[in-house]
Amino acid sequence: MITAAADGSALSNPGPAGWAWYVDEDRWAAGGWPHGTNNMGELMAVLDLLRQTAHLDDELHVLCDSQYAINCITKWTPGWKRRGWRKADGKPVMNVEILQELDAAMEGRRVSFEWVKGHAGHAMNERADELARAVATAYRDGTEIQHGPGFGVVTAGDSVSTPPGSVQDEDLFSIAADLASEEKPNPTPEFSASEVLGAAAGLQAELVARTRELLDATTRTSPLKLFELLHPDCVRHDSSGRIHTYQRMMQGLKPLELQPRVDVLGLEELADGVVLLRWRLTLGSRRQVVSSLWQQVDGNWRLRFEQTTPVL
């Protein structure tokens, strides 16, 4: 059995928020948002713990000081689902996106919950609280966030620093080549020239819309919206040369301070269901050129790889 403490923290509530789960000093993880609530943190801590232990067969015993989180997961969710994720009084359920993901993550798992009194000297609970509060404080102060080692898989906060400009364009096209080499179940049908042009225009409009959605502040702090837009193998190389994993991005993307402008530079189909969108992002006086590789999965376009280069 794996025993872990899960906790959330929010400054001002709502305000800068953090979450954390803790097993021991070699197995813990933390994350958060620039703006969130304590309850969001409590739920997200359990959700990330479930995700990072999904590859294990061990029973999971979760220590929580939040009756809200325990009741949401163990008591209230079935009724909310029957009512279309609404409470008995007809009002919408709060934090529904995280709760829906928790409901899916709990399926087939052996998980028990134990309530522990917060700030009462319970060592594991105190450590989880300390880690969650540290993330909230880091968001408030604009300092580096410690995401932790995780649980033997790519962690929620994995990020690798590389010197600016060290990422080569060949990386993007090697990914596309690998995807192109995958066996396709159906041959590509033939279309007339007008149909091809119309399809290309429609595809460009769809990908631009999804790109703008990823730039939206609401999307960037919503795990469910990010889940719908990002491919599980997504990797992003930002303009400073940092490499962001899917797990890191799912913790939330920093909201943009200025209104973004998107200008398409080109669209190229690299393989069946794999498209390269090249575009310019303008934020005030700053401009960046972005290469985005989109892959179609089950009829939906998801971002698979992205590389950003500053325009000097």
C-alpha atoms as a PDB file:
ATOM      1  CA  MET A   1       0.000   0.000   0.000  1.00  0.00           C
ATOM      2  CA  ILE A   2       1.152   3.523  -0.809  1.00  0.00           C
ATOM      3  CA  THR A   3       0.276   6.171   1.774  1.00  0.00           C
ATOM      4  CA  ALA A   4       0.416   9.786   0.636  1.00  0.00           C
ATOM      5  CA  ALA A   5      -0.718  13.124   2.028  1.00  0.00           C
ATOM      6  CA  ALA A   6      -2.460  15.569  -0.326  1.00  0.00           C
ATOM      7  CA  ASP A   7      -3.073  19.238   0.406  1.00  0.00           C
ATOM      8  CA  GLY A   8      -3.911  22.574  -1.186  1.00  0.00           C
ATOM      9  CA  SER A   9      -3.170  26.184  -0.344  1.00  0.00           C
ATOM     10  CA  ALA A  10      -4.366  29.574  -1.572  1.00  0.00           C
ATOM     11  CA  LEU A  11      -3.243  33.044  -0.553  1.00  0.00           C
ATOM     12  CA  SER A  12      -6.275  35.324  -0.079  1.00  0.00           C
ATOM     13  CA  ASN A  13      -8.451  32.420  -1.361  1.00  0.00           C
ATOM     14  CA  PRO A  14      -8.894  33.058  -4.204  1.00  0.00           C
ATOM     15  CA  GLY A  15      -5.410  34.155  -5.083  1.00  0.00           C
ATOM     16  CA  PRO A  16      -2.075  32.542  -5.886  1.00  0.00           C
ATOM     17  CA  ALA A  17      -2.689  28.862  -5.224  1.00  0.00           C
ATOM     18  CA  GLY A  18      -0.707  25.672  -4.852  1.00  0.00           C
ATOM     19  CA  TRP A  19      -1.193  21.952  -4.368  1.00  0.00           C
ATOM     20  CA  ALA A  20       1.077  19.118  -3.302  1.00  0.00           C
ATOM     21  CA  TRP A  21       1.141  15.438  -2.489  1.00  0.00           C
ATOM     22  CA  TYR A  22       3.828  13.815  -0.399  1.00  0.00           C
ATOM     23  CA  VAL A  23       4.960  10.234   0.241  1.00  0.00           C
ATOM     24  CA  ASP A  24       8.573  10.881   1.256  1.00  0.00           C
ATOM     25  CA  GLU A  25      11.440  13.150   0.226  1.00  0.00           C
ATOM     26  CA  ASP A  26      12.078  11.045  -2.881  1.00  0.00           C
ATOM     27  CA  ARG A  27       8.414  10.911  -3.965  1.00  0.00           C
ATOM     28  CA  TRP A  28       6.429  14.150  -3.981  1.00  0.00           C
ATOM     29  CA  ALA A  29       5.062  16.660  -6.450  1.00  0.00           C
ATOM     30  CA  ALA A  30       3.649  20.181  -6.356  1.00  0.00           C
ATOM     31  CA  GLY A  31       2.078  22.683  -8.709  1.00  0.00           C
ATOM     32  CA  GLY A  32      -0.491  25.445  -8.805  1.00  0.00           C
ATOM     33  CA  TRP A  33      -1.918  28.469 -10.560  1.00  0.00           C
ATOM     34  CA  PRO A  34      -1.469  32.236 -10.537  1.00  0.00           C
ATOM     35  CA  HIS A  35      -5.100  32.489  -9.398  1.00  0.00           C
ATOM     36  CA  GLY A  36      -7.084  29.746  -7.722  1.00  0.00           C
ATOM     37  CA  THR A  37      -8.773  28.541  -4.548  1.00  0.00           C
ATOM     38  CA  ASN A  38      -7.838  26.272  -1.703  1.00  0.00           C
ATOM     39  CA  ASN A  39     -10.451  23.725  -2.808  1.00  0.00           C
ATOM     40  CA  MET A  40      -8.988  23.635  -6.307  1.00  0.00           C
ATOM     41  CA  GLY A  41      -5.624  22.828  -4.748  1.00  0.00           C
ATOM     42  CA  GLU A  42      -7.045  20.091  -2.524  1.00  0.00           C
ATOM     43  CA  LEU A  43      -8.661  18.359  -5.504  1.00  0.00           C
ATOM     44  CA  MET A  44      -5.734  18.829  -7.881  1.00  0.00           C
ATOM     45  CA  ALA A  45      -3.314  17.303  -5.380  1.00  0.00           C
ATOM     46  CA  VAL A  46      -5.346  14.084  -5.367  1.00  0.00           C
ATOM     47  CA  LEU A  47      -5.764  14.146  -9.150  1.00  0.00           C
ATOM     48  CA  ASP A  48      -2.037  14.455  -9.811  1.00  0.00           C
ATOM     49  CA  LEU A  49      -1.306  11.711  -7.262  1.00  0.00           C
ATOM     50  CA  LEU A  50      -3.721   9.402  -9.094  1.00  0.00           C
ATOM     51  CA  ARG A  51      -2.132  10.224 -12.442  1.00  0.00           C
ATOM     52  CA  GLN A  52       1.424   9.663 -11.282  1.00  0.00           C
ATOM     53  CA  THR A  53       0.619   6.330  -9.637  1.00  0.00           C
ATOM     54  CA  ALA A  54      -1.600   5.054 -12.458  1.00  0.00           C
ATOM     55  CA  HIS A  55       1.161   2.684 -13.630  1.00  0.00           C
ATOM     56  CA  LEU A  56       1.272   0.930 -10.242  1.00  0.00           C
ATOM     57  CA  ASP A  57      -0.915  -1.883  -8.907  1.00  0.00           C
ATOM     58  CA  ASP A  58      -0.579  -0.869  -5.260  1.00  0.00           C
ATOM     59  CA  GLU A  59      -3.571   0.256  -3.238  1.00  0.00           C
ATOM     60  CA  LEU A  60      -3.445   3.979  -2.546  1.00  0.00           C
ATOM     61  CA  HIS A  61      -4.224   5.445   0.885  1.00  0.00           C
ATOM     62  CA  VAL A  62      -4.685   9.228   0.743  1.00  0.00           C
ATOM     63  CA  LEU A  63      -4.464  11.463   3.802  1.00  0.00           C
ATOM     64  CA  CYS A  64      -6.475  14.694   3.452  1.00  0.00           C
ATOM     65  CA  ASP A  65      -7.314  17.491   5.858  1.00  0.00           C
ATOM     66  CA  SER A  66     -10.142  18.563   3.540  1.00  0.00           C
ATOM     67  CA  GLN A  67     -13.554  17.027   4.166  1.00  0.00           C
ATOM     68  CA  TYR A  68     -14.656  18.808   0.979  1.00  0.00           C
ATOM     69  CA  ALA A  69     -12.174  16.889  -1.184  1.00  0.00           C
ATOM     70  CA  ILE A  70     -12.959  13.545   0.448  1.00  0.00           C
ATOM     71  CA  ASN A  71     -16.735  14.012   0.168  1.00  0.00           C
ATOM     72  CA  CYS A  72     -16.517  15.215  -3.435  1.00  0.00           C
ATOM     73  CA  ILE A  73     -14.649  12.094  -4.491  1.00  0.00           C
ATOM     74  CA  THR A  74     -16.297   9.450  -2.293  1.00  0.00           C
ATOM     75  CA  LYS A  75     -19.869  10.669  -1.745  1.00  0.00           C
ATOM     76  CA  TRP A  76     -21.170  13.491  -3.898  1.00  0.00           C
ATOM     77  CA  THR A  77     -19.894  12.743  -7.398  1.00  0.00           C
ATOM     78  CA  PRO A  78     -22.427   9.985  -8.322  1.00  0.00           C
ATOM     79  CA  GLY A  79     -25.389  12.284  -7.593  1.00  0.00           C
ATOM     80  CA  TRP A  80     -23.799  15.212  -9.401  1.00  0.00           C
ATOM     81  CA  LYS A  81     -23.226  13.038 -12.471  1.00  0.00           C
ATOM     82  CA  ARG A  82     -26.857  11.872 -12.513  1.00  0.00           C
ATOM     83  CA  ARG A  83     -27.991  15.499 -12.441  1.00  0.00           C
ATOM     84  CA  GLY A  84     -25.616  16.574 -15.211  1.00  0.00           C
ATOM     85  CA  TRP A  85     -22.998  17.875 -12.782  1.00  0.00           C
ATOM     86  CA  ARG A  86     -25.467  20.003 -10.857  1.00  0.00           C
ATOM     87  CA  LYS A  87     -26.137  20.098  -7.135  1.00  0.00           C
ATOM     88  CA  ALA A  88     -29.454  19.152  -5.569  1.00  0.00           C
ATOM     89  CA  ASP A  89     -30.566  22.792  -5.732  1.00  0.00           C
ATOM     90  CA  GLY A  90     -29.898  22.885  -9.469  1.00  0.00           C
ATOM     91  CA  LYS A  91     -26.826  25.102  -9.221  1.00  0.00           C
ATOM     92  CA  PRO A  92     -23.705  24.052 -11.160  1.00  0.00           C
ATOM     93  CA  VAL A  93     -21.024  22.153  -9.280  1.00  0.00           C
ATOM     94  CA  MET A  94     -17.909  24.163  -8.496  1.00  0.00           C
ATOM     95  CA  ASN A  95     -14.546  22.948  -9.837  1.00  0.00           C
ATOM     96  CA  VAL A  96     -16.397  20.644 -12.215  1.00  0.00           C
ATOM     97  CA  GLU A  97     -13.497  20.286 -14.667  1.00  0.00           C
ATOM     98  CA  ILE A  98     -11.124  18.905 -12.038  1.00  0.00           C
ATOM     99  CA  LEU A  99     -13.900  16.742 -10.572  1.00  0.00           C
ATOM    100  CA  GLN A 100     -14.664  15.180 -13.946  1.00  0.00           C
ATOM    101  CA  GLU A 101     -11.008  14.296 -14.403  1.00  0.00           C
ATOM    102  CA  LEU A 102     -10.894  12.896 -10.868  1.00  0.00           C
ATOM    103  CA  ASP A 103     -13.927  10.746 -11.606  1.00  0.00           C
ATOM    104  CA  ALA A 104     -12.181   9.287 -14.656  1.00  0.00           C
ATOM    105  CA  ALA A 105      -8.878   8.810 -12.801  1.00  0.00           C
ATOM    106  CA  MET A 106     -10.591   6.928  -9.948  1.00  0.00           C
ATOM    107  CA  GLU A 107     -12.097   4.328 -12.281  1.00  0.00           C
ATOM    108  CA  GLY A 108     -10.658   0.897 -11.575  1.00  0.00           C
ATOM    109  CA  ARG A 109      -8.353   2.174  -8.822  1.00  0.00           C
ATOM    110  CA  ARG A 110      -8.119   0.892  -5.257  1.00  0.00           C
ATOM    111  CA  VAL A 111      -8.104   4.094  -3.252  1.00  0.00           C
ATOM    112  CA  SER A 112      -9.037   4.823   0.363  1.00  0.00           C
ATOM    113  CA  PHE A 113      -9.183   8.228   2.038  1.00  0.00           C
ATOM    114  CA  GLU A 114      -8.494   9.239   5.617  1.00  0.00           C
ATOM    115  CA  TRP A 115      -9.255  12.618   7.123  1.00  0.00           C
ATOM    116  CA  VAL A 116      -6.498  14.101   9.257  1.00  0.00           C
ATOM    117  CA  LYS A 117      -6.696  17.339  11.193  1.00  0.00           C
ATOM    118  CA  GLY A 118      -4.733  20.083   9.505  1.00  0.00           C
ATOM    119  CA  HIS A 119      -1.963  21.999  11.276  1.00  0.00           C
ATOM    120  CA  ALA A 120      -2.025  19.513  14.128  1.00  0.00           C
ATOM    121  CA  GLY A 121       1.472  18.106  13.849  1.00  0.00           C
ATOM    122  CA  HIS A 122       0.819  15.225  11.415  1.00  0.00           C
ATOM    123  CA  ALA A 123       4.220  14.979   9.731  1.00  0.00           C
ATOM    124  CA  MET A 124       3.087  14.012   6.217  1.00  0.00           C
ATOM    125  CA  ASN A 125       0.191  16.467   6.197  1.00  0.00           C
ATOM    126  CA  GLU A 126       2.430  19.272   7.415  1.00  0.00           C
ATOM    127  CA  ARG A 127       4.976  18.552   4.685  1.00  0.00           C
ATOM    128  CA  ALA A 128       2.311  18.507   1.948  1.00  0.00           C
ATOM    129  CA  ASP A 129       0.934  21.793   3.289  1.00  0.00           C
ATOM    130  CA  GLU A 130       4.434  23.302   3.300  1.00  0.00           C
ATOM    131  CA  LEU A 131       5.052  22.280  -0.320  1.00  0.00           C
ATOM    132  CA  ALA A 132       1.652  23.554  -1.513  1.00  0.00           C
ATOM    133  CA  ARG A 133       2.096  26.890   0.260  1.00  0.00           C
ATOM    134  CA  ALA A 134       5.569  27.255  -1.228  1.00  0.00           C
ATOM    135  CA  VAL A 135       4.090  27.077  -4.739  1.00  0.00           C
ATOM    136  CA  ALA A 136       1.379  29.630  -3.921  1.00  0.00           C
ATOM    137  CA  THR A 137       4.027  31.935  -2.470  1.00  0.00           C
ATOM    138  CA  ALA A 138       6.234  31.489  -5.541  1.00  0.00           C
ATOM    139  CA  TYR A 139       3.365  32.497  -7.835  1.00  0.00           C
ATOM    140  CA  ARG A 140       2.762  35.554  -5.647  1.00  0.00           C
ATOM    141  CA  ASP A 141       6.417  36.575  -5.593  1.00  0.00           C
ATOM    142  CA  GLY A 142       7.308  35.564  -9.139  1.00  0.00           C
ATOM    143  CA  THR A 143      10.023  33.161  -7.955  1.00  0.00           C
ATOM    144  CA  GLU A 144      10.973  29.695  -9.184  1.00  0.00           C
ATOM    145  CA  ILE A 145       8.490  26.911  -8.467  1.00  0.00           C
ATOM    146  CA  GLN A 146       9.731  23.592  -7.091  1.00  0.00           C
ATOM    147  CA  HIS A 147       7.675  20.812  -8.697  1.00  0.00           C
ATOM    148  CA  GLY A 148       9.345  17.824  -7.038  1.00  0.00           C
ATOM    149  CA  PRO A 149      10.657  14.466  -8.288  1.00  0.00           C
ATOM    150  CA  GLY A 150       7.234  12.908  -8.864  1.00  0.00           C
ATOM    151  CA  PHE A 151       6.632   9.171  -8.615  1.00  0.00           C
ATOM    152  CA  GLY A 152       9.034   7.433 -10.962  1.00  0.00           C
ATOM    153  CA  VAL A 153       7.489   8.841 -14.163  1.00  0.00           C
ATOM    154  CA  VAL A 154       7.844  12.190 -15.917  1.00  0.00           C
ATOM    155  CA  THR A 155       6.835  14.605 -13.200  1.00  0.00           C
ATOM    156  CA  ALA A 156       4.204  17.270 -13.285  1.00  0.00           C
ATOM    157  CA  GLY A 157       6.850  19.943 -13.247  1.00  0.00           C
ATOM    158  CA  ASP A 158       9.623  18.519 -15.404  1.00  0.00           C
ATOM    159  CA  SER A 159      11.443  21.239 -17.260  1.00  0.00           C
ATOM    160  CA  VAL A 160      14.870  21.157 -18.849  1.00  0.00           C
ATOM    161  CA  SER A 161      16.872  24.288 -19.544  1.00  0.00           C
ATOM    162  CA  THR A 162      18.886  24.561 -22.742  1.00  0.00           C
ATOM    163  CA  PRO A 163      20.786  27.531 -24.142  1.00  0.00           C
ATOM    164  CA  PRO A 164      18.656  29.822 -26.346  1.00  0.00           C
ATOM    165  CA  GLY A 165      18.888  28.851 -29.980  1.00  0.00           C
ATOM    166  CA  SER A 166      20.218  25.357 -29.254  1.00  0.00           C
ATOM    167  CA  VAL A 167      17.009  23.675 -30.439  1.00  0.00           C
ATOM    168  CA  GLN A 168      17.264  22.884 -34.129  1.00  0.00           C
ATOM    169  CA  ASP A 169      14.446  23.042 -36.657  1.00  0.00           C
ATOM    170  CA  GLU A 170      15.241  19.443 -37.573  1.00  0.00           C
ATOM    171  CA  ASP A 171      13.653  18.391 -34.281  1.00  0.00           C
ATOM    172  CA  LEU A 172      10.218  19.386 -35.540  1.00  0.00           C
ATOM    173  CA  PHE A 173      10.600  17.685 -38.906  1.00  0.00           C
ATOM    174  CA  SER A 174      12.012  14.491 -37.387  1.00  0.00           C
ATOM    175  CA  ILE A 175       8.860  14.253 -35.267  1.00  0.00           C
ATOM    176  CA  ALA A 176       6.743  14.790 -38.367  1.00  0.00           C
ATOM    177  CA  ALA A 177       8.704  12.115 -40.240  1.00  0.00           C
ATOM    178  CA  ASP A 178       8.129   9.616 -37.433  1.00  0.00           C
ATOM    179  CA  LEU A 179       4.421  10.355 -37.468  1.00  0.00           C
ATOM    180  CA  ALA A 180       4.300  10.094 -41.258  1.00  0.00           C
ATOM    181  CA  SER A 181       5.911   6.652 -41.143  1.00  0.00           C
ATOM    182  CA  GLU A 182       3.120   5.270 -38.990  1.00  0.00           C
ATOM    183  CA  GLU A 183       0.818   2.906 -40.868  1.00  0.00           C
ATOM    184  CA  LYS A 184      -2.476   4.564 -41.792  1.00  0.00           C
ATOM    185  CA  PRO A 185      -5.644   2.427 -41.719  1.00  0.00           C
ATOM    186  CA  ASN A 186      -7.286   4.050 -44.754  1.00  0.00           C
ATOM    187  CA  PRO A 187      -5.916   5.448 -48.049  1.00  0.00           C
ATOM    188  CA  THR A 188      -6.187   9.206 -48.636  1.00  0.00           C
ATOM    189  CA  PRO A 189      -9.206   9.941 -50.878  1.00  0.00           C
ATOM    190  CA  GLU A 190      -8.858  12.090 -54.005  1.00  0.00           C
ATOM    191  CA  PHE A 191     -10.361  15.597 -54.118  1.00  0.00           C
ATOM    192  CA  SER A 192     -10.824  18.257 -56.765  1.00  0.00           C
ATOM    193  CA  ALA A 193      -8.660  21.417 -56.720  1.00  0.00           C
ATOM    194  CA  SER A 194     -11.503  23.549 -55.346  1.00  0.00           C
ATOM    195  CA  GLU A 195     -12.192  21.008 -52.612  1.00  0.00           C
ATOM    196  CA  VAL A 196      -8.516  20.948 -51.644  1.00  0.00           C
ATOM    197  CA  LEU A 197      -8.340  24.771 -51.427  1.00  0.00           C
ATOM    198  CA  GLY A 198     -11.530  24.900 -49.418  1.00  0.00           C
ATOM    199  CA  ALA A 199     -10.335  22.192 -47.061  1.00  0.00           C
ATOM    200  CA  ALA A 200      -7.005  23.976 -46.554  1.00  0.00           C
ATOM    201  CA  ALA A 201      -8.737  27.249 -45.733  1.00  0.00           C
ATOM    202  CA  GLY A 202     -11.057  25.504 -43.319  1.00  0.00           C
ATOM    203  CA  LEU A 203      -8.165  23.662 -41.662  1.00  0.00           C
ATOM    204  CA  GLN A 204      -6.184  26.875 -41.271  1.00  0.00           C
ATOM    205  CA  ALA A 205      -9.153  28.603 -39.686  1.00  0.00           C
ATOM    206  CA  GLU A 206      -9.636  25.684 -37.280  1.00  0.00           C
ATOM    207  CA  LEU A 207      -5.987  25.578 -36.224  1.00  0.00           C
ATOM    208  CA  VAL A 208      -5.827  29.343 -35.804  1.00  0.00           C
ATOM    209  CA  ALA A 209      -8.936  29.152 -33.611  1.00  0.00           C
ATOM    210  CA  ARG A 210      -7.331  26.445 -31.475  1.00  0.00           C
ATOM    211  CA  THR A 211      -4.115  28.460 -31.304  1.00  0.00           C
ATOM    212  CA  ARG A 212      -6.023  31.501 -30.076  1.00  0.00           C
ATOM    213  CA  GLU A 213      -7.807  29.287 -27.561  1.00  0.00           C
ATOM    214  CA  LEU A 214      -4.434  28.196 -26.159  1.00  0.00           C
ATOM    215  CA  LEU A 215      -3.507  31.874 -25.760  1.00  0.00           C
ATOM    216  CA  ASP A 216      -6.704  32.651 -23.854  1.00  0.00           C
ATOM    217  CA  ALA A 217      -6.238  33.267 -20.124  1.00  0.00           C
ATOM    218  CA  THR A 218      -9.162  31.023 -19.168  1.00  0.00           C
ATOM    219  CA  THR A 219      -7.778  28.095 -21.158  1.00  0.00           C
ATOM    220  CA  ARG A 220      -4.262  28.519 -19.808  1.00  0.00           C
ATOM    221  CA  THR A 221      -5.435  27.918 -16.234  1.00  0.00           C
ATOM    222  CA  SER A 222      -7.959  25.169 -17.015  1.00  0.00           C
ATOM    223  CA  PRO A 223      -6.680  21.557 -16.878  1.00  0.00           C
ATOM    224  CA  LEU A 224      -9.730  20.316 -18.786  1.00  0.00           C
ATOM    225  CA  LYS A 225      -9.350  22.827 -21.633  1.00  0.00           C
ATOM    226  CA  LEU A 226      -5.623  22.094 -21.882  1.00  0.00           C
ATOM    227  CA  PHE A 227      -6.399  18.376 -21.909  1.00  0.00           C
ATOM    228  CA  GLU A 228      -8.608  18.924 -24.966  1.00  0.00           C
ATOM    229  CA  LEU A 229      -5.955  20.909 -26.875  1.00  0.00           C
ATOM    230  CA  LEU A 230      -2.637  19.236 -26.019  1.00  0.00           C
ATOM    231  CA  HIS A 231      -1.428  15.887 -27.306  1.00  0.00           C
ATOM    232  CA  PRO A 232      -0.252  13.582 -24.454  1.00  0.00           C
ATOM    233  CA  ASP A 233       3.236  13.606 -26.026  1.00  0.00           C
ATOM    234  CA  CYS A 234       3.292  17.367 -26.495  1.00  0.00           C
ATOM    235  CA  VAL A 235       6.608  19.147 -25.976  1.00  0.00           C
ATOM    236  CA  ARG A 236       7.086  22.904 -26.182  1.00  0.00           C
ATOM    237  CA  HIS A 237      10.356  24.805 -26.686  1.00  0.00           C
ATOM    238  CA  ASP A 238       9.839  28.392 -25.558  1.00  0.00           C
ATOM    239  CA  SER A 239      11.662  31.502 -26.756  1.00  0.00           C
ATOM    240  CA  SER A 240      14.229  31.291 -23.943  1.00  0.00           C
ATOM    241  CA  GLY A 241      15.240  27.739 -24.855  1.00  0.00           C
ATOM    242  CA  ARG A 242      13.381  26.004 -22.015  1.00  0.00           C
ATOM    243  CA  ILE A 243      11.733  22.680 -22.765  1.00  0.00           C
ATOM    244  CA  HIS A 244       8.275  22.134 -21.288  1.00  0.00           C
ATOM    245  CA  THR A 245       6.737  18.671 -21.027  1.00  0.00           C
ATOM    246  CA  TYR A 246       3.047  17.855 -21.319  1.00  0.00           C
ATOM    247  CA  GLN A 247       2.888  17.237 -17.578  1.00  0.00           C
ATOM    248  CA  ARG A 248       4.343  20.658 -16.846  1.00  0.00           C
ATOM    249  CA  MET A 249       1.945  22.402 -19.227  1.00  0.00           C
ATOM    250  CA  MET A 250      -1.033  20.607 -17.703  1.00  0.00           C
ATOM    251  CA  GLN A 251      -0.270  22.396 -14.442  1.00  0.00           C
ATOM    252  CA  GLY A 252      -1.277  25.606 -16.206  1.00  0.00           C
ATOM    253  CA  LEU A 253       0.330  28.090 -18.556  1.00  0.00           C
ATOM    254  CA  LYS A 254       1.161  31.593 -17.411  1.00  0.00           C
ATOM    255  CA  PRO A 255      -1.568  34.009 -18.595  1.00  0.00           C
ATOM    256  CA  LEU A 256      -0.334  36.553 -21.131  1.00  0.00           C
ATOM    257  CA  GLU A 257      -0.045  40.080 -19.821  1.00  0.00           C
ATOM    258  CA  LEU A 258      -0.830  41.714 -23.172  1.00  0.00           C
ATOM    259  CA  GLN A 259      -3.467  41.080 -25.828  1.00  0.00           C
ATOM    260  CA  PRO A 260      -1.944  38.579 -28.304  1.00  0.00           C
ATOM    261  CA  ARG A 261      -2.074  39.021 -32.070  1.00  0.00           C
ATOM    262  CA  VAL A 262      -1.777  35.982 -34.333  1.00  0.00           C
ATOM    263  CA  ASP A 263      -0.629  36.306 -37.963  1.00  0.00           C
ATOM    264  CA  VAL A 264      -0.390  33.150 -40.068  1.00  0.00           C
ATOM    265  CA  LEU A 265       2.870  32.758 -42.017  1.00  0.00           C
ATOM    266  CA  GLY A 266       2.174  29.390 -43.598  1.00  0.00           C
ATOM    267  CA  LEU A 267       0.382  26.056 -43.382  1.00  0.00           C
ATOM    268  CA  GLU A 268       1.881  22.792 -44.602  1.00  0.00           C
ATOM    269  CA  GLU A 269       0.520  19.267 -44.414  1.00  0.00           C
ATOM    270  CA  LEU A 270       3.510  17.081 -43.531  1.00  0.00           C
ATOM    271  CA  ALA A 271       1.636  13.773 -43.382  1.00  0.00           C
ATOM    272  CA  ASP A 272      -1.867  12.415 -43.152  1.00  0.00           C
ATOM    273  CA  GLY A 273      -3.259  14.033 -40.004  1.00  0.00           C
ATOM    274  CA  VAL A 274      -0.053  15.993 -39.271  1.00  0.00           C
ATOM    275  CA  VAL A 275       0.089  19.716 -40.082  1.00  0.00           C
ATOM    276  CA  LEU A 276       2.708  22.412 -39.522  1.00  0.00           C
ATOM    277  CA  LEU A 277       1.329  25.882 -38.770  1.00  0.00           C
ATOM    278  CA  ARG A 278       3.841  28.737 -38.859  1.00  0.00           C
ATOM    279  CA  TRP A 279       2.656  31.988 -37.296  1.00  0.00           C
ATOM    280  CA  ARG A 280       3.787  35.230 -35.711  1.00  0.00           C
ATOM    281  CA  LEU A 281       2.817  36.121 -32.147  1.00  0.00           C
ATOM    282  CA  THR A 282       2.807  39.820 -31.324  1.00  0.00           C
ATOM    283  CA  LEU A 283       2.615  40.994 -27.709  1.00  0.00           C
ATOM    284  CA  GLY A 284       2.921  44.756 -27.602  1.00  0.00           C
ATOM    285  CA  SER A 285       6.352  45.569 -29.033  1.00  0.00           C
ATOM    286  CA  ARG A 286       7.572  41.956 -28.774  1.00  0.00           C
ATOM    287  CA  ARG A 287       7.287  39.551 -31.693  1.00  0.00           C
ATOM    288  CA  GLN A 288       7.929  35.837 -31.862  1.00  0.00           C
ATOM    289  CA  VAL A 289       7.805  33.348 -34.725  1.00  0.00           C
ATOM    290  CA  VAL A 290       6.168  30.076 -33.767  1.00  0.00           C
ATOM    291  CA  SER A 291       6.188  26.680 -35.486  1.00  0.00           C
ATOM    292  CA  SER A 292       3.320  24.501 -34.244  1.00  0.00           C
ATOM    293  CA  LEU A 293       2.945  20.851 -35.151  1.00  0.00           C
ATOM    294  CA  TRP A 294      -0.658  19.667 -34.877  1.00  0.00           C
ATOM    295  CA  GLN A 295      -1.753  16.027 -34.997  1.00  0.00           C
ATOM    296  CA  GLN A 296      -5.302  14.825 -35.548  1.00  0.00           C
ATOM    297  CA  VAL A 297      -6.427  12.345 -32.885  1.00  0.00           C
ATOM    298  CA  ASP A 298      -9.935  10.881 -32.968  1.00  0.00           C
ATOM    299  CA  GLY A 299     -11.110  13.736 -35.180  1.00  0.00           C
ATOM    300  CA  ASN A 300      -9.642  16.496 -32.991  1.00  0.00           C
ATOM    301  CA  TRP A 301      -6.504  18.503 -33.656  1.00  0.00           C
ATOM    302  CA  ARG A 302      -4.080  18.500 -30.733  1.00  0.00           C
ATOM    303  CA  LEU A 303      -0.797  20.352 -30.370  1.00  0.00           C
ATOM    304  CA  ARG A 304       2.066  17.823 -30.586  1.00  0.00           C
ATOM    305  CA  PHE A 305       5.151  20.075 -30.746  1.00  0.00           C
ATOM    306  CA  GLU A 306       5.842  23.795 -30.627  1.00  0.00           C
ATOM    307  CA  GLN A 307       8.979  25.870 -31.051  1.00  0.00           C
ATOM    308  CA  THR A 308       9.114  29.612 -30.461  1.00  0.00           C
ATOM    309  CA  THR A 309      11.849  31.943 -31.747  1.00  0.00           C
ATOM    310  CA  PRO A 310      12.087  35.606 -30.709  1.00  0.00           C
ATOM    311  CA  VAL A 311      12.278  38.230 -33.456  1.00  0.00           C
ATOM    312  CA  LEU A 312      15.194  40.490 -32.579  1.00  0.00           C
END
